[in-house]
PDB file of N, CA and C in Angstrom:
ATOM      1  N   MET A   1       8.540 -25.681   5.768  1.00  0.00           N
ATOM      2  CA  MET A   1       8.457 -26.609   4.723  1.00  0.00           C
ATOM      3  C   MET A   1       9.226 -26.605   3.494  1.00  0.00           C
ATOM      4  N   LEU A   2       9.502 -25.305   2.936  1.00  0.00           N
ATOM      5  CA  LEU A   2      10.448 -25.340   1.628  1.00  0.00           C
ATOM      6  C   LEU A   2      12.041 -25.725   2.129  1.00  0.00           C
ATOM      7  N   ASP A   3      12.994 -25.869   1.937  1.00  0.00           N
ATOM      8  CA  ASP A   3      14.473 -25.948   1.813  1.00  0.00           C
ATOM      9  C   ASP A   3      15.189 -24.492   1.765  1.00  0.00           C
ATOM     10  N   GLN A   4      14.563 -23.957   0.809  1.00  0.00           N
ATOM     11  CA  GLN A   4      14.829 -22.790  -0.249  1.00  0.00           C
ATOM     12  C   GLN A   4      13.836 -21.477  -0.237  1.00  0.00           C
ATOM     13  N   PRO A   5      13.767 -20.439  -0.049  1.00  0.00           N
ATOM     14  CA  PRO A   5      13.129 -19.384  -0.634  1.00  0.00           C
ATOM     15  C   PRO A   5      12.486 -19.573  -1.988  1.00  0.00           C
ATOM     16  N   LEU A   6      11.542 -18.895  -2.570  1.00  0.00           N
ATOM     17  CA  LEU A   6      10.991 -19.074  -3.243  1.00  0.00           C
ATOM     18  C   LEU A   6      11.612 -17.613  -4.234  1.00  0.00           C
ATOM     19  N   SER A   7      11.862 -17.401  -5.848  1.00  0.00           N
ATOM     20  CA  SER A   7      12.053 -15.996  -6.157  1.00  0.00           C
ATOM     21  C   SER A   7      11.795 -15.965  -7.612  1.00  0.00           C
ATOM     22  N   GLY A   8      11.630 -15.030  -8.032  1.00  0.00           N
ATOM     23  CA  GLY A   8      11.772 -14.823  -9.527  1.00  0.00           C
ATOM     24  C   GLY A   8      10.778 -13.596  -9.863  1.00  0.00           C
ATOM     25  N   PRO A   9      10.471 -12.979 -10.604  1.00  0.00           N
ATOM     26  CA  PRO A   9      10.298 -11.665 -10.950  1.00  0.00           C
ATOM     27  C   PRO A   9       9.029 -11.158 -10.885  1.00  0.00           C
ATOM     28  N   ILE A  10       8.562 -10.017 -10.675  1.00  0.00           N
ATOM     29  CA  ILE A  10       7.440  -9.346 -10.688  1.00  0.00           C
ATOM     30  C   ILE A  10       6.720  -8.514 -11.442  1.00  0.00           C
ATOM     31  N   TYR A  11       6.306  -8.530 -11.911  1.00  0.00           N
ATOM     32  CA  TYR A  11       5.345  -7.790 -12.970  1.00  0.00           C
ATOM     33  C   TYR A  11       3.922  -7.564 -13.497  1.00  0.00           C
ATOM     34  N   PHE A  12       4.069  -6.728 -14.031  1.00  0.00           N
ATOM     35  CA  PHE A  12       2.468  -5.818 -14.266  1.00  0.00           C
ATOM     36  C   PHE A  12       2.266  -6.525 -15.341  1.00  0.00           C
ATOM     37  N   ARG A  13       0.754  -6.877 -15.589  1.00  0.00           N
ATOM     38  CA  ARG A  13       0.164  -7.429 -16.669  1.00  0.00           C
ATOM     39  C   ARG A  13      -1.490  -6.423 -17.033  1.00  0.00           C
ATOM     40  N   SER A  14      -1.504  -6.412 -18.156  1.00  0.00           N
ATOM     41  CA  SER A  14      -3.235  -5.862 -18.498  1.00  0.00           C
ATOM     42  C   SER A  14      -4.075  -6.654 -17.909  1.00  0.00           C
ATOM     43  N   ASN A  15      -4.896  -5.935 -17.250  1.00  0.00           N
ATOM     44  CA  ASN A  15      -6.452  -6.901 -16.987  1.00  0.00           C
ATOM     45  C   ASN A  15      -7.840  -6.858 -17.568  1.00  0.00           C
ATOM     46  N   GLY A  16      -7.316  -6.555 -19.078  1.00  0.00           N
ATOM     47  CA  GLY A  16      -8.247  -6.270 -20.176  1.00  0.00           C
ATOM     48  C   GLY A  16      -9.912  -5.389 -19.528  1.00  0.00           C
ATOM     49  N   GLY A  17      -9.227  -4.457 -18.786  1.00  0.00           N
ATOM     50  CA  GLY A  17     -10.220  -3.513 -18.469  1.00  0.00           C
ATOM     51  C   GLY A  17     -11.021  -3.247 -17.162  1.00  0.00           C
ATOM     52  N   GLU A  18     -10.625  -5.069 -16.470  1.00  0.00           N
ATOM     53  CA  GLU A  18     -11.584  -4.918 -15.610  1.00  0.00           C
ATOM     54  C   GLU A  18     -11.646  -4.526 -14.404  1.00  0.00           C
ATOM     55  N   ARG A  19     -10.226  -3.438 -14.383  1.00  0.00           N
ATOM     56  CA  ARG A  19      -9.804  -2.630 -12.923  1.00  0.00           C
ATOM     57  C   ARG A  19      -9.046  -1.945 -14.020  1.00  0.00           C
ATOM     58  N   GLU A  20      -9.084  -1.023 -12.858  1.00  0.00           N
ATOM     59  CA  GLU A  20      -7.970   0.321 -13.155  1.00  0.00           C
ATOM     60  C   GLU A  20      -7.135   0.768 -13.807  1.00  0.00           C
ATOM     61  N   LEU A  21      -6.575   0.045 -12.444  1.00  0.00           N
ATOM     62  CA  LEU A  21      -5.111  -0.699 -12.870  1.00  0.00           C
ATOM     63  C   LEU A  21      -4.778  -1.489 -13.168  1.00  0.00           C
ATOM     64  N   PRO A  22      -3.121  -2.339 -13.392  1.00  0.00           N
ATOM     65  CA  PRO A  22      -3.108  -3.096 -13.780  1.00  0.00           C
ATOM     66  C   PRO A  22      -2.960  -4.148 -12.537  1.00  0.00           C
ATOM     67  N   ASP A  23      -2.586  -5.458 -12.945  1.00  0.00           N
ATOM     68  CA  ASP A  23      -2.772  -6.694 -12.067  1.00  0.00           C
ATOM     69  C   ASP A  23      -1.419  -6.599 -11.677  1.00  0.00           C
ATOM     70  N   ILE A  24      -0.701  -6.945 -10.342  1.00  0.00           N
ATOM     71  CA  ILE A  24       0.753  -7.079 -10.347  1.00  0.00           C
ATOM     72  C   ILE A  24       1.109  -8.708 -10.017  1.00  0.00           C
ATOM     73  N   VAL A  25       2.152  -9.495 -10.970  1.00  0.00           N
ATOM     74  CA  VAL A  25       2.315 -11.191 -11.139  1.00  0.00           C
ATOM     75  C   VAL A  25       3.043 -10.966 -10.356  1.00  0.00           C
ATOM     76  N   ALA A  26       3.004 -12.295  -9.240  1.00  0.00           N
ATOM     77  CA  ALA A  26       4.747 -12.693  -8.831  1.00  0.00           C
ATOM     78  C   ALA A  26       4.931 -14.004  -9.352  1.00  0.00           C
ATOM     79  N   ASP A  27       5.523 -14.428 -10.264  1.00  0.00           N
ATOM     80  CA  ASP A  27       6.070 -15.310 -11.001  1.00  0.00           C
ATOM     81  C   ASP A  27       7.448 -16.485 -10.178  1.00  0.00           C
ATOM     82  N   LEU A  28       7.151 -17.235  -9.107  1.00  0.00           N
ATOM     83  CA  LEU A  28       8.067 -17.361  -7.803  1.00  0.00           C
ATOM     84  C   LEU A  28       8.434 -19.544  -8.520  1.00  0.00           C
ATOM     85  N   GLY A  29       9.560 -19.368  -8.450  1.00  0.00           N
ATOM     86  CA  GLY A  29      10.138 -20.865  -8.877  1.00  0.00           C
ATOM     87  C   GLY A  29      10.665 -21.137  -7.422  1.00  0.00           C
ATOM     88  N   GLY A  30      11.103 -22.097  -7.614  1.00  0.00           N
ATOM     89  CA  GLY A  30      12.301 -23.068  -6.784  1.00  0.00           C
ATOM     90  C   GLY A  30      11.945 -24.549  -6.857  1.00  0.00           C
ATOM     91  N   GLN A  31      11.669 -25.154  -5.383  1.00  0.00           N
ATOM     92  CA  GLN A  31      11.287 -26.500  -5.239  1.00  0.00           C
ATOM     93  C   GLN A  31       9.699 -26.817  -5.882  1.00  0.00           C
ATOM     94  N   ILE A  32       8.983 -25.448  -5.613  1.00  0.00           N
ATOM     95  CA  ILE A  32       7.540 -25.524  -6.267  1.00  0.00           C
ATOM     96  C   ILE A  32       8.071 -24.106  -7.178  1.00  0.00           C
ATOM     97  N   HIS A  33       6.770 -24.196  -8.185  1.00  0.00           N
ATOM     98  CA  HIS A  33       6.138 -22.913  -8.843  1.00  0.00           C
ATOM     99  C   HIS A  33       4.859 -22.664  -9.059  1.00  0.00           C
ATOM    100  N   ILE A  34       5.093 -21.063  -7.661  1.00  0.00           N
ATOM    101  CA  ILE A  34       3.695 -20.491  -8.006  1.00  0.00           C
ATOM    102  C   ILE A  34       3.870 -19.600  -8.891  1.00  0.00           C
ATOM    103  N   ILE A  35       2.390 -19.000  -9.198  1.00  0.00           N
ATOM    104  CA  ILE A  35       1.522 -17.315  -9.770  1.00  0.00           C
ATOM    105  C   ILE A  35       1.045 -16.938  -8.889  1.00  0.00           C
ATOM    106  N   LEU A  36       1.480 -15.915  -8.064  1.00  0.00           N
ATOM    107  CA  LEU A  36       0.482 -14.929  -7.359  1.00  0.00           C
ATOM    108  C   LEU A  36       0.391 -14.078  -8.354  1.00  0.00           C
ATOM    109  N   VAL A  37      -1.455 -13.572  -8.366  1.00  0.00           N
ATOM    110  CA  VAL A  37      -1.544 -12.789  -8.700  1.00  0.00           C
ATOM    111  C   VAL A  37      -2.503 -11.452  -8.247  1.00  0.00           C
ATOM    112  N   GLY A  38      -2.153 -10.126  -8.005  1.00  0.00           N
ATOM    113  CA  GLY A  38      -2.181  -9.602  -7.090  1.00  0.00           C
ATOM    114  C   GLY A  38      -3.375  -8.285  -7.779  1.00  0.00           C
ATOM    115  N   PHE A  39      -4.333  -7.898  -7.437  1.00  0.00           N
ATOM    116  CA  PHE A  39      -5.336  -6.925  -7.572  1.00  0.00           C
ATOM    117  C   PHE A  39      -4.894  -5.397  -6.934  1.00  0.00           C
ATOM    118  N   ILE A  40      -4.831  -4.264  -8.019  1.00  0.00           N
ATOM    119  CA  ILE A  40      -4.245  -3.304  -7.292  1.00  0.00           C
ATOM    120  C   ILE A  40      -5.144  -1.913  -7.353  1.00  0.00           C
ATOM    121  N   ASP A  41      -5.440  -1.913  -6.667  1.00  0.00           N
ATOM    122  CA  ASP A  41      -6.756  -0.444  -6.497  1.00  0.00           C
ATOM    123  C   ASP A  41      -6.741   1.020  -5.430  1.00  0.00           C
ATOM    124  N   SER A  42      -6.996   1.723  -5.768  1.00  0.00           N
ATOM    125  CA  SER A  42      -7.006   3.086  -4.443  1.00  0.00           C
ATOM    126  C   SER A  42      -7.832   2.963  -3.982  1.00  0.00           C
ATOM    127  N   VAL A  43      -7.843   3.183  -2.785  1.00  0.00           N
ATOM    128  CA  VAL A  43      -8.940   3.308  -1.211  1.00  0.00           C
ATOM    129  C   VAL A  43      -8.308   5.078  -0.801  1.00  0.00           C
ATOM    130  N   HIS A  44      -9.784   5.119  -0.555  1.00  0.00           N
ATOM    131  CA  HIS A  44      -9.719   6.876  -0.380  1.00  0.00           C
ATOM    132  C   HIS A  44      -9.247   6.751   1.293  1.00  0.00           C
ATOM    133  N   LYS A  45      -8.729   7.295   1.940  1.00  0.00           N
ATOM    134  CA  LYS A  45      -9.184   7.591   3.486  1.00  0.00           C
ATOM    135  C   LYS A  45     -10.101   8.323   3.928  1.00  0.00           C
ATOM    136  N   LYS A  46     -10.795   7.915   4.758  1.00  0.00           N
ATOM    137  CA  LYS A  46     -12.412   8.453   5.070  1.00  0.00           C
ATOM    138  C   LYS A  46     -12.107  10.037   5.705  1.00  0.00           C
ATOM    139  N   GLY A  47     -12.609  10.902   5.364  1.00  0.00           N
ATOM    140  CA  GLY A  47     -12.251  12.407   6.354  1.00  0.00           C
ATOM    141  C   GLY A  47     -11.166  12.850   5.408  1.00  0.00           C
ATOM    142  N   SER A  48     -10.834  12.739   4.635  1.00  0.00           N
ATOM    143  CA  SER A  48      -9.450  13.337   4.376  1.00  0.00           C
ATOM    144  C   SER A  48      -9.255  13.221   2.577  1.00  0.00           C
ATOM    145  N   GLU A  49      -8.694  13.380   1.838  1.00  0.00           N
ATOM    146  CA  GLU A  49      -7.862  13.899   0.781  1.00  0.00           C
ATOM    147  C   GLU A  49      -7.271  12.556   0.479  1.00  0.00           C
ATOM    148  N   VAL A  50      -6.597  11.883   1.149  1.00  0.00           N
ATOM    149  CA  VAL A  50      -5.362  11.077   1.187  1.00  0.00           C
ATOM    150  C   VAL A  50      -6.199   9.581   0.430  1.00  0.00           C
ATOM    151  N   SER A  51      -5.996   9.041  -0.547  1.00  0.00           N
ATOM    152  CA  SER A  51      -5.734   7.482  -1.012  1.00  0.00           C
ATOM    153  C   SER A  51      -4.837   7.282  -0.951  1.00  0.00           C
ATOM    154  N   ARG A  52      -4.546   6.114  -0.569  1.00  0.00           N
ATOM    155  CA  ARG A  52      -3.462   4.827  -0.925  1.00  0.00           C
ATOM    156  C   ARG A  52      -3.468   3.872  -1.767  1.00  0.00           C
ATOM    157  N   VAL A  53      -3.220   3.332  -1.944  1.00  0.00           N
ATOM    158  CA  VAL A  53      -2.449   2.228  -2.757  1.00  0.00           C
ATOM    159  C   VAL A  53      -2.766   0.404  -2.376  1.00  0.00           C
ATOM    160  N   ARG A  54      -3.596  -0.027  -2.991  1.00  0.00           N
ATOM    161  CA  ARG A  54      -3.730  -1.276  -2.229  1.00  0.00           C
ATOM    162  C   ARG A  54      -3.882  -2.559  -3.267  1.00  0.00           C
ATOM    163  N   VAL A  55      -2.735  -3.998  -2.718  1.00  0.00           N
ATOM    164  CA  VAL A  55      -2.886  -4.510  -3.171  1.00  0.00           C
ATOM    165  C   VAL A  55      -3.193  -6.306  -2.398  1.00  0.00           C
ATOM    166  N   ARG A  56      -4.087  -6.715  -3.505  1.00  0.00           N
ATOM    167  CA  ARG A  56      -4.811  -7.865  -2.633  1.00  0.00           C
ATOM    168  C   ARG A  56      -4.264  -9.092  -3.926  1.00  0.00           C
ATOM    169  N   PHE A  57      -3.783  -9.960  -2.714  1.00  0.00           N
ATOM    170  CA  PHE A  57      -3.284 -11.700  -3.246  1.00  0.00           C
ATOM    171  C   PHE A  57      -4.840 -11.937  -2.694  1.00  0.00           C
ATOM    172  N   GLN A  58      -5.511 -13.066  -3.715  1.00  0.00           N
ATOM    173  CA  GLN A  58      -6.642 -13.639  -3.313  1.00  0.00           C
ATOM    174  C   GLN A  58      -6.505 -14.777  -3.326  1.00  0.00           C
ATOM    175  N   ASN A  59      -5.374 -15.765  -3.825  1.00  0.00           N
ATOM    176  CA  ASN A  59      -4.764 -17.034  -3.524  1.00  0.00           C
ATOM    177  C   ASN A  59      -3.992 -17.258  -3.476  1.00  0.00           C
ATOM    178  N   VAL A  60      -3.425 -17.448  -2.396  1.00  0.00           N
ATOM    179  CA  VAL A  60      -2.119 -17.478  -2.071  1.00  0.00           C
ATOM    180  C   VAL A  60      -2.315 -19.085  -1.171  1.00  0.00           C
ATOM    181  N   PRO A  61      -1.102 -19.845  -1.973  1.00  0.00           N
ATOM    182  CA  PRO A  61      -0.952 -21.390  -1.530  1.00  0.00           C
ATOM    183  C   PRO A  61      -0.773 -21.610   0.621  1.00  0.00           C
ATOM    184  N   ASP A  62      -1.561 -22.279   1.005  1.00  0.00           N
ATOM    185  CA  ASP A  62      -1.198 -22.725   2.577  1.00  0.00           C
ATOM    186  C   ASP A  62      -0.445 -22.850   2.698  1.00  0.00           C
ATOM    187  N   ALA A  63       0.948 -21.985   2.889  1.00  0.00           N
ATOM    188  CA  ALA A  63       2.230 -22.554   3.519  1.00  0.00           C
ATOM    189  C   ALA A  63       2.304 -21.164   4.171  1.00  0.00           C
ATOM    190  N   PRO A  64       3.448 -21.270   5.054  1.00  0.00           N
ATOM    191  CA  PRO A  64       3.619 -19.430   5.882  1.00  0.00           C
ATOM    192  C   PRO A  64       4.584 -18.838   4.612  1.00  0.00           C
ATOM    193  N   VAL A  65       4.408 -17.639   4.750  1.00  0.00           N
ATOM    194  CA  VAL A  65       5.563 -16.689   4.653  1.00  0.00           C
ATOM    195  C   VAL A  65       6.342 -15.580   5.110  1.00  0.00           C
ATOM    196  N   THR A  66       7.496 -16.012   5.346  1.00  0.00           N
ATOM    197  CA  THR A  66       7.929 -14.978   6.402  1.00  0.00           C
ATOM    198  C   THR A  66       8.682 -13.881   5.866  1.00  0.00           C
ATOM    199  N   LYS A  67       8.838 -13.880   4.767  1.00  0.00           N
ATOM    200  CA  LYS A  67       9.487 -12.708   3.891  1.00  0.00           C
ATOM    201  C   LYS A  67       8.608 -12.288   2.903  1.00  0.00           C
ATOM    202  N   PHE A  68       8.788 -11.166   2.348  1.00  0.00           N
ATOM    203  CA  PHE A  68       8.272 -10.681   1.001  1.00  0.00           C
ATOM    204  C   PHE A  68       8.810  -9.267   0.568  1.00  0.00           C
ATOM    205  N   THR A  69       9.955  -9.378  -0.521  1.00  0.00           N
ATOM    206  CA  THR A  69      10.898  -8.198  -0.872  1.00  0.00           C
ATOM    207  C   THR A  69      10.191  -8.415  -2.271  1.00  0.00           C
ATOM    208  N   THR A  70      10.453  -6.910  -2.104  1.00  0.00           N
ATOM    209  CA  THR A  70      10.514  -6.366  -3.839  1.00  0.00           C
ATOM    210  C   THR A  70      11.199  -4.819  -4.177  1.00  0.00           C
ATOM    211  N   SER A  71      11.517  -4.976  -4.901  1.00  0.00           N
ATOM    212  CA  SER A  71      12.118  -3.690  -4.877  1.00  0.00           C
ATOM    213  C   SER A  71      11.728  -2.948  -6.505  1.00  0.00           C
ATOM    214  N   PHE A  72      10.836  -1.342  -6.356  1.00  0.00           N
ATOM    215  CA  PHE A  72      11.233  -0.203  -7.331  1.00  0.00           C
ATOM    216  C   PHE A  72      11.688   0.962  -7.437  1.00  0.00           C
ATOM    217  N   PHE A  73      12.233   1.137  -9.204  1.00  0.00           N
ATOM    218  CA  PHE A  73      12.734   2.203  -8.972  1.00  0.00           C
ATOM    219  C   PHE A  73      11.871   3.368  -8.992  1.00  0.00           C
ATOM    220  N   GLY A  74      12.324   4.475  -8.123  1.00  0.00           N
ATOM    221  CA  GLY A  74      11.286   5.846  -8.199  1.00  0.00           C
ATOM    222  C   GLY A  74      12.048   6.654  -9.262  1.00  0.00           C
ATOM    223  N   GLY A  75      11.256   8.127  -8.518  1.00  0.00           N
ATOM    224  CA  GLY A  75      11.847   9.174  -9.050  1.00  0.00           C
ATOM    225  C   GLY A  75      11.214   9.289 -10.119  1.00  0.00           C
ATOM    226  N   LYS A  76      11.808  10.549 -10.941  1.00  0.00           N
ATOM    227  CA  LYS A  76      11.065  10.946 -12.093  1.00  0.00           C
ATOM    228  C   LYS A  76      10.988   9.927 -13.070  1.00  0.00           C
ATOM    229  N   LYS A  77      11.788   9.065 -13.079  1.00  0.00           N
ATOM    230  CA  LYS A  77      11.917   8.108 -14.389  1.00  0.00           C
ATOM    231  C   LYS A  77      11.139   6.626 -14.397  1.00  0.00           C
ATOM    232  N   GLY A  78      11.009   7.007 -12.711  1.00  0.00           N
ATOM    233  CA  GLY A  78      10.309   5.592 -12.155  1.00  0.00           C
ATOM    234  C   GLY A  78       9.059   4.887 -11.736  1.00  0.00           C
ATOM    235  N   LEU A  79       8.581   4.306 -11.738  1.00  0.00           N
ATOM    236  CA  LEU A  79       7.407   2.813 -11.525  1.00  0.00           C
ATOM    237  C   LEU A  79       6.419   4.117 -10.577  1.00  0.00           C
ATOM    238  N   ILE A  80       6.590   4.301  -9.986  1.00  0.00           N
ATOM    239  CA  ILE A  80       5.980   4.980  -8.353  1.00  0.00           C
ATOM    240  C   ILE A  80       6.526   6.443  -7.884  1.00  0.00           C
ATOM    241  N   GLU A  81       5.842   7.303  -7.688  1.00  0.00           N
ATOM    242  CA  GLU A  81       6.329   8.728  -7.536  1.00  0.00           C
ATOM    243  C   GLU A  81       5.754   9.043  -6.112  1.00  0.00           C
ATOM    244  N   ASN A  82       5.920   9.307  -4.640  1.00  0.00           N
ATOM    245  CA  ASN A  82       5.300   9.956  -3.752  1.00  0.00           C
ATOM    246  C   ASN A  82       5.785  10.831  -3.919  1.00  0.00           C
ATOM    247  N   HIS A  83       4.756  11.790  -3.461  1.00  0.00           N
ATOM    248  CA  HIS A  83       4.375  12.853  -2.691  1.00  0.00           C
ATOM    249  C   HIS A  83       4.977  13.703  -1.531  1.00  0.00           C
ATOM    250  N   VAL A  84       5.291  12.596  -0.820  1.00  0.00           N
ATOM    251  CA  VAL A  84       5.692  12.934   0.583  1.00  0.00           C
ATOM    252  C   VAL A  84       7.306  12.397   1.338  1.00  0.00           C
ATOM    253  N   ASN A  85       8.553  13.083   1.860  1.00  0.00           N
ATOM    254  CA  ASN A  85       9.579  12.903   1.922  1.00  0.00           C
ATOM    255  C   ASN A  85       9.344  11.218   3.065  1.00  0.00           C
ATOM    256  N   LEU A  86       9.584  10.042   2.380  1.00  0.00           N
ATOM    257  CA  LEU A  86       9.434   8.930   3.322  1.00  0.00           C
ATOM    258  C   LEU A  86      10.524   8.286   3.927  1.00  0.00           C
ATOM    259  N   CYS A  87      11.447   9.364   4.211  1.00  0.00           N
ATOM    260  CA  CYS A  87      12.671   8.882   5.413  1.00  0.00           C
ATOM    261  C   CYS A  87      12.028  10.056   6.201  1.00  0.00           C
ATOM    262  N   ALA A  88      10.799  10.791   6.179  1.00  0.00           N
ATOM    263  CA  ALA A  88      10.875  11.852   7.553  1.00  0.00           C
ATOM    264  C   ALA A  88      10.475  11.731   8.746  1.00  0.00           C
ATOM    265  N   LYS A  89       9.569  10.159   8.716  1.00  0.00           N
ATOM    266  CA  LYS A  89       9.358   9.041   9.780  1.00  0.00           C
ATOM    267  C   LYS A  89       9.601   8.140   9.133  1.00  0.00           C
ATOM    268  N   LYS A  90       9.025   6.812  10.290  1.00  0.00           N
ATOM    269  CA  LYS A  90       9.050   5.602  10.102  1.00  0.00           C
ATOM    270  C   LYS A  90       7.694   4.754   9.459  1.00  0.00           C
ATOM    271  N   ARG A  91       7.918   4.219   8.414  1.00  0.00           N
ATOM    272  CA  ARG A  91       6.576   3.724   7.298  1.00  0.00           C
ATOM    273  C   ARG A  91       6.556   2.709   8.162  1.00  0.00           C
ATOM    274  N   ARG A  92       5.462   2.135   7.515  1.00  0.00           N
ATOM    275  CA  ARG A  92       4.592   1.056   8.342  1.00  0.00           C
ATOM    276  C   ARG A  92       3.276   0.420   6.978  1.00  0.00           C
ATOM    277  N   ALA A  93       3.283  -0.796   6.752  1.00  0.00           N
ATOM    278  CA  ALA A  93       2.699  -1.749   6.180  1.00  0.00           C
ATOM    279  C   ALA A  93       1.351  -2.106   6.611  1.00  0.00           C
ATOM    280  N   LYS A  94       0.299  -2.566   6.194  1.00  0.00           N
ATOM    281  CA  LYS A  94      -1.075  -2.585   6.862  1.00  0.00           C
ATOM    282  C   LYS A  94      -1.504  -4.064   6.163  1.00  0.00           C
ATOM    283  N   LEU A  95      -0.886  -5.281   6.819  1.00  0.00           N
ATOM    284  CA  LEU A  95      -1.114  -6.373   6.382  1.00  0.00           C
ATOM    285  C   LEU A  95      -2.658  -7.174   7.465  1.00  0.00           C
ATOM    286  N   ASN A  96      -3.323  -7.861   5.901  1.00  0.00           N
ATOM    287  CA  ASN A  96      -4.565  -8.373   6.890  1.00  0.00           C
ATOM    288  C   ASN A  96      -4.377  -9.729   6.051  1.00  0.00           C
ATOM    289  N   PHE A  97      -4.668 -11.121   6.840  1.00  0.00           N
ATOM    290  CA  PHE A  97      -4.378 -11.859   6.446  1.00  0.00           C
ATOM    291  C   PHE A  97      -5.873 -12.851   7.366  1.00  0.00           C
ATOM    292  N   THR A  98      -6.515 -13.953   5.784  1.00  0.00           N
ATOM    293  CA  THR A  98      -7.328 -14.351   6.276  1.00  0.00           C
ATOM    294  C   THR A  98      -7.520 -16.076   5.560  1.00  0.00           C
ATOM    295  N   ALA A  99      -7.322 -16.790   6.729  1.00  0.00           N
ATOM    296  CA  ALA A  99      -6.942 -18.012   6.727  1.00  0.00           C
ATOM    297  C   ALA A  99      -8.189 -18.823   6.092  1.00  0.00           C
ATOM    298  N   GLN A 100      -7.576 -20.028   5.214  1.00  0.00           N
ATOM    299  CA  GLN A 100      -9.146 -20.855   4.415  1.00  0.00           C
ATOM    300  C   GLN A 100      -9.591 -21.065   5.952  1.00  0.00           C
ATOM    301  N   ASN A 101      -9.674 -21.422   7.113  1.00  0.00           N
ATOM    302  CA  ASN A 101     -10.444 -21.578   8.288  1.00  0.00           C
ATOM    303  C   ASN A 101     -11.425 -20.227   8.529  1.00  0.00           C
ATOM    304  N   GLY A 102     -10.930 -19.389   8.783  1.00  0.00           N
ATOM    305  CA  GLY A 102     -11.561 -17.794   8.610  1.00  0.00           C
ATOM    306  C   GLY A 102     -11.011 -16.956   9.456  1.00  0.00           C
ATOM    307  N   ARG A 103      -9.592 -18.079  10.052  1.00  0.00           N
ATOM    308  CA  ARG A 103      -8.902 -16.784  10.810  1.00  0.00           C
ATOM    309  C   ARG A 103      -8.830 -15.699  10.435  1.00  0.00           C
ATOM    310  N   GLN A 104      -8.292 -14.801  11.162  1.00  0.00           N
ATOM    311  CA  GLN A 104      -7.589 -13.193  10.682  1.00  0.00           C
ATOM    312  C   GLN A 104      -6.146 -12.973  11.552  1.00  0.00           C
ATOM    313  N   SER A 105      -5.308 -12.458  10.603  1.00  0.00           N
ATOM    314  CA  SER A 105      -4.184 -11.890  11.450  1.00  0.00           C
ATOM    315  C   SER A 105      -4.208 -10.137  10.649  1.00  0.00           C
ATOM    316  N   ASN A 106      -3.885  -9.317  11.904  1.00  0.00           N
ATOM    317  CA  ASN A 106      -3.782  -8.296  11.470  1.00  0.00           C
ATOM    318  C   ASN A 106      -2.409  -7.285  12.008  1.00  0.00           C
ATOM    319  N   THR A 107      -1.601  -6.985  10.702  1.00  0.00           N
ATOM    320  CA  THR A 107      -0.489  -6.339  11.506  1.00  0.00           C
ATOM    321  C   THR A 107       0.132  -5.065  10.773  1.00  0.00           C
ATOM    322  N   GLU A 108       0.853  -4.787  11.513  1.00  0.00           N
ATOM    323  CA  GLU A 108       1.753  -3.474  10.629  1.00  0.00           C
ATOM    324  C   GLU A 108       3.346  -3.554  10.975  1.00  0.00           C
ATOM    325  N   PRO A 109       3.808  -4.086   9.659  1.00  0.00           N
ATOM    326  CA  PRO A 109       5.154  -4.286   9.920  1.00  0.00           C
ATOM    327  C   PRO A 109       5.673  -3.074   9.209  1.00  0.00           C
ATOM    328  N   ALA A 110       6.993  -2.212   9.705  1.00  0.00           N
ATOM    329  CA  ALA A 110       8.161  -1.286   9.791  1.00  0.00           C
ATOM    330  C   ALA A 110       8.342  -1.551   8.121  1.00  0.00           C
ATOM    331  N   ILE A 111       8.546  -0.697   7.413  1.00  0.00           N
ATOM    332  CA  ILE A 111       8.761  -0.996   6.383  1.00  0.00           C
ATOM    333  C   ILE A 111      10.713  -0.184   6.097  1.00  0.00           C
ATOM    334  N   LYS A 112      11.630  -1.299   5.354  1.00  0.00           N
ATOM    335  CA  LYS A 112      12.656  -0.583   5.237  1.00  0.00           C
ATOM    336  C   LYS A 112      12.835   0.259   3.915  1.00  0.00           C
ATOM    337  N   ILE A 113      13.501   1.447   3.811  1.00  0.00           N
ATOM    338  CA  ILE A 113      13.209   2.302   2.729  1.00  0.00           C
ATOM    339  C   ILE A 113      14.833   2.465   2.416  1.00  0.00           C
ATOM    340  N   ALA A 114      14.898   1.897   1.525  1.00  0.00           N
ATOM    341  CA  ALA A 114      16.316   2.159   0.627  1.00  0.00           C
ATOM    342  C   ALA A 114      16.977   3.505   0.520  1.00  0.00           C
ATOM    343  N   GLY A 115      17.871   3.506   0.877  1.00  0.00           N
ATOM    344  CA  GLY A 115      18.370   5.016   0.838  1.00  0.00           C
ATOM    345  C   GLY A 115      17.906   5.888   1.695  1.00  0.00           C
ATOM    346  N   CYS A 116      17.733   6.060   2.813  1.00  0.00           N
ATOM    347  CA  CYS A 116      17.443   6.999   3.975  1.00  0.00           C
ATOM    348  C   CYS A 116      17.984   6.813   5.097  1.00  0.00           C
ATOM    349  N   GLY A 117      19.519   5.911   4.945  1.00  0.00           N
ATOM    350  CA  GLY A 117      20.460   6.018   5.957  1.00  0.00           C
ATOM    351  C   GLY A 117      20.511   5.574   7.406  1.00  0.00           C
ATOM    352  N   LYS A 118      19.032   5.262   7.605  1.00  0.00           N
ATOM    353  CA  LYS A 118      18.922   4.432   8.974  1.00  0.00           C
ATOM    354  C   LYS A 118      18.855   3.024   8.771  1.00  0.00           C
TER     355      LYS A 118
END
């Protein structure tokens, strides 16, 4: 539908205390300009002490998304810190989509992690 991919910065913003964690905003430009706002929260995994970070984008334009790529700096001075070795096994993301017509798609694609040497 678009001749070129959309691109732009991703940043965190305050939500005025409405939620415990900040919002994540993707300011994408190209043939069209779109601002996507994601709500970040923590989800506890039942039956364990594990919690996972979840981002929900509620208003995504009715256009196909084939790829979404972002990079974060990790480590001691990074934004995100992991308590497990991410390179120890193949990691997957859980994606759940609900279309305007109510149809749903759920998938678990592999996550490419930079620096793992694979």
